[in-house]
Protein backbone atom coordinates (compact mmCIF):
# COMPACT_ATOMS: atom_id res chain seq x y z
CA MET A 1 33.44 1.11 0.24
CA ARG A 2 31.71 3.32 -2.20
CA SER A 3 28.33 4.79 -1.49
CA GLU A 4 25.36 3.91 -3.68
CA ARG A 5 22.32 5.92 -4.61
CA SER A 6 19.04 4.20 -5.23
CA SER A 7 17.75 3.68 -8.74
CA ALA A 8 15.33 6.60 -8.51
CA ALA A 9 18.18 8.90 -7.55
CA ARG A 10 20.29 7.60 -10.46
CA ARG A 11 17.40 8.13 -12.88
CA GLN A 12 17.00 11.72 -11.65
CA SER A 13 20.71 12.41 -12.14
CA GLY A 14 20.74 10.70 -15.53
CA SER A 15 23.11 7.89 -14.50
CA SER A 16 22.87 4.59 -16.28
CA GLY A 17 22.21 1.16 -14.82
CA SER A 18 18.95 1.95 -13.08
CA LEU A 19 16.90 -0.96 -11.78
CA ASP A 20 13.18 -1.40 -12.20
CA PRO A 21 11.66 -0.93 -8.71
CA GLU A 22 8.72 -3.14 -9.72
CA VAL A 23 11.02 -6.17 -9.97
CA CYS A 24 11.06 -8.01 -6.66
CA LEU A 25 14.20 -8.98 -4.82
CA ALA A 26 13.89 -12.60 -5.96
CA HIS A 27 15.01 -11.50 -9.44
CA PHE A 28 18.51 -10.25 -8.61
CA ASP A 29 20.79 -9.23 -11.41
CA ALA A 30 23.61 -10.47 -9.16
CA PRO A 31 23.94 -13.67 -7.13
CA LEU A 32 22.48 -13.74 -3.65
CA GLY A 33 25.27 -13.85 -1.10
CA THR A 34 27.41 -11.26 -2.85
CA VAL A 35 27.97 -7.57 -2.30
CA ALA A 36 26.52 -7.00 -5.79
CA GLY A 37 23.37 -8.90 -4.77
CA ALA A 38 23.06 -6.87 -1.57
CA THR A 39 23.58 -3.67 -3.56
CA ALA A 40 20.79 -4.66 -5.96
CA ALA A 41 18.46 -5.33 -3.02
CA LEU A 42 19.21 -1.98 -1.40
CA ARG A 43 18.73 -0.14 -4.69
CA ARG A 44 15.22 -1.62 -4.88
CA TYR A 45 14.58 -0.75 -1.22
CA GLY A 46 15.69 2.84 -1.84
CA ALA A 47 13.62 3.12 -5.02
CA ALA A 48 10.51 1.97 -3.15
CA TRP A 49 11.17 4.51 -0.40
CA GLU A 50 11.84 7.39 -2.78
CA ALA A 51 8.68 6.55 -4.73
CA CYS A 52 6.62 6.25 -1.51
CA ASP A 53 5.64 2.80 -2.77
CA PRO A 54 4.50 0.56 0.11
CA GLY A 55 3.60 -2.28 -2.27
CA GLY A 56 7.02 -2.16 -3.86
CA ALA A 57 8.64 -2.19 -0.43
CA ALA A 58 6.51 -5.09 0.80
CA ALA A 59 7.39 -7.12 -2.33
CA LEU A 60 11.00 -7.19 -1.13
CA PHE A 61 9.98 -9.26 1.91
CA SER A 62 8.93 -12.87 2.39
CA ALA A 63 5.34 -13.61 3.41
CA ASP A 64 6.47 -14.34 6.98
CA ALA A 65 9.06 -11.55 7.25
CA ALA A 66 9.82 -9.72 10.50
CA TYR A 67 10.69 -6.01 10.05
CA TYR A 68 12.11 -4.39 13.20
CA TRP A 69 11.56 -0.68 12.56
CA THR A 70 13.45 0.21 15.73
CA PRO A 71 15.44 -2.03 18.09
CA PHE A 72 12.91 -2.02 20.94
CA SER A 73 9.61 -2.14 19.06
CA PRO A 74 7.84 -5.36 18.13
CA PRO A 75 8.39 -6.25 14.48
CA LYS A 76 6.01 -5.61 11.63
CA ARG A 77 5.13 -9.13 10.43
CA GLY A 78 4.36 -10.16 6.88
CA GLN A 79 3.98 -8.18 3.69
CA ALA A 80 0.59 -6.65 4.53
CA GLU A 81 1.71 -5.23 7.88
CA ILE A 82 4.98 -4.00 6.36
CA ALA A 83 3.04 -2.26 3.56
CA ARG A 84 0.70 -0.58 6.10
CA ALA A 85 3.67 0.68 8.16
CA TRP A 86 5.43 2.00 5.03
CA SER A 87 2.23 3.67 3.85
CA ALA A 88 1.79 5.46 7.17
CA ALA A 89 5.44 6.54 7.32
CA THR A 90 5.84 7.68 3.72
CA SER A 91 2.52 9.55 3.72
CA ARG A 92 4.35 12.14 5.86
CA GLN A 93 7.51 12.27 3.72
CA ARG A 94 8.42 14.14 0.53
CA GLU A 95 11.55 14.69 -1.56
CA ILE A 96 13.18 11.50 -0.30
CA ARG A 97 16.81 10.89 -1.23
CA PHE A 98 18.28 7.54 -0.09
CA ARG A 99 21.98 6.57 -0.11
CA PHE A 100 23.71 3.52 1.28
CA ARG A 101 26.87 1.48 1.41
CA VAL A 102 27.12 -2.23 2.04
CA LEU A 103 29.44 -2.85 4.98
CA SER A 104 29.36 -6.64 4.97
CA PHE A 105 27.54 -9.43 3.21
CA GLU A 106 28.04 -13.15 3.56
CA ALA A 107 25.83 -16.08 2.60
CA ARG A 108 22.31 -14.73 3.27
CA SER A 109 22.97 -11.86 5.72
CA GLY A 110 24.15 -8.33 5.18
CA ILE A 111 24.86 -5.11 7.04
CA ALA A 112 24.64 -1.67 5.46
CA GLN A 113 24.89 1.95 6.52
CA TRP A 114 22.25 4.23 5.01
CA ARG A 115 21.47 7.92 4.99
CA THR A 116 18.29 9.63 3.90
CA ARG A 117 17.30 13.24 3.44
CA LEU A 118 13.59 13.95 3.26
CA VAL A 119 11.02 16.56 4.03
CA ARG A 120 8.80 15.60 6.94
CA THR A 121 5.47 17.17 6.18
CA THR A 122 4.51 17.19 9.87
CA LEU A 123 7.52 19.44 10.56
CA GLY A 124 7.52 21.33 7.28
CA ARG A 125 11.28 20.98 6.93
CA GLU A 126 14.03 18.70 5.70
CA VAL A 127 15.61 16.19 8.05
CA GLU A 128 18.54 13.84 7.65
CA ILE A 129 18.38 10.30 8.98
CA ASP A 130 21.42 8.07 9.43
CA GLY A 131 21.07 4.37 10.09
CA ILE A 132 22.40 0.85 10.08
CA LEU A 133 20.44 -2.15 8.87
CA LEU A 134 20.85 -5.88 9.15
CA ALA A 135 19.02 -8.03 6.61
CA GLU A 136 18.64 -11.80 6.41
CA PHE A 137 17.36 -13.38 3.19
CA ASP A 138 15.60 -16.64 2.38
CA ALA A 139 16.62 -19.04 -0.40
CA ALA A 140 14.43 -17.14 -2.90
CA GLY A 141 16.24 -13.87 -2.15
CA LEU A 142 13.38 -12.25 -0.22
CA CYS A 143 14.14 -10.52 3.04
CA ARG A 144 12.92 -12.59 6.01
CA VAL A 145 14.37 -10.52 8.89
CA PHE A 146 15.13 -6.80 8.66
CA ARG A 147 16.44 -4.77 11.61
CA GLU A 148 17.13 -1.04 11.63
CA TRP A 149 18.85 1.31 14.03
CA TRP A 150 18.52 4.96 13.01
CA HIS A 151 18.53 8.51 14.25
CA SER A 152 17.39 11.83 12.82
């Protein structure tokens, strides 16, 4: 499958078809339950990350969402806690470049591989992170369960 860059990355490179990161996941330009719908969701996720936008990230999740940052940590629960976690994480990140490819998507669940390059300000250098995510969506198209496994 082909790799996708987030909307912010496409805007920087001048590519067309960018998505507005302010639009929440409930307003897909593709039907939920399709690879195109999953791609639209991940473009918005990547745009929020690249923009260091915790509010934009939290808007992708349902009010009762569970976000498992790592497989053995308790989940971040709800939009407010997800926004706080994103704010803390992205406050130490610069020059974020997010790429992904959807591996599988059926009904309301999807799996994707993602890769990010960013500068960690605490280290003063660029790092690359590779990960897998599993996302489950509600009927409105908001993410209700999000699990990540990643390594840098």
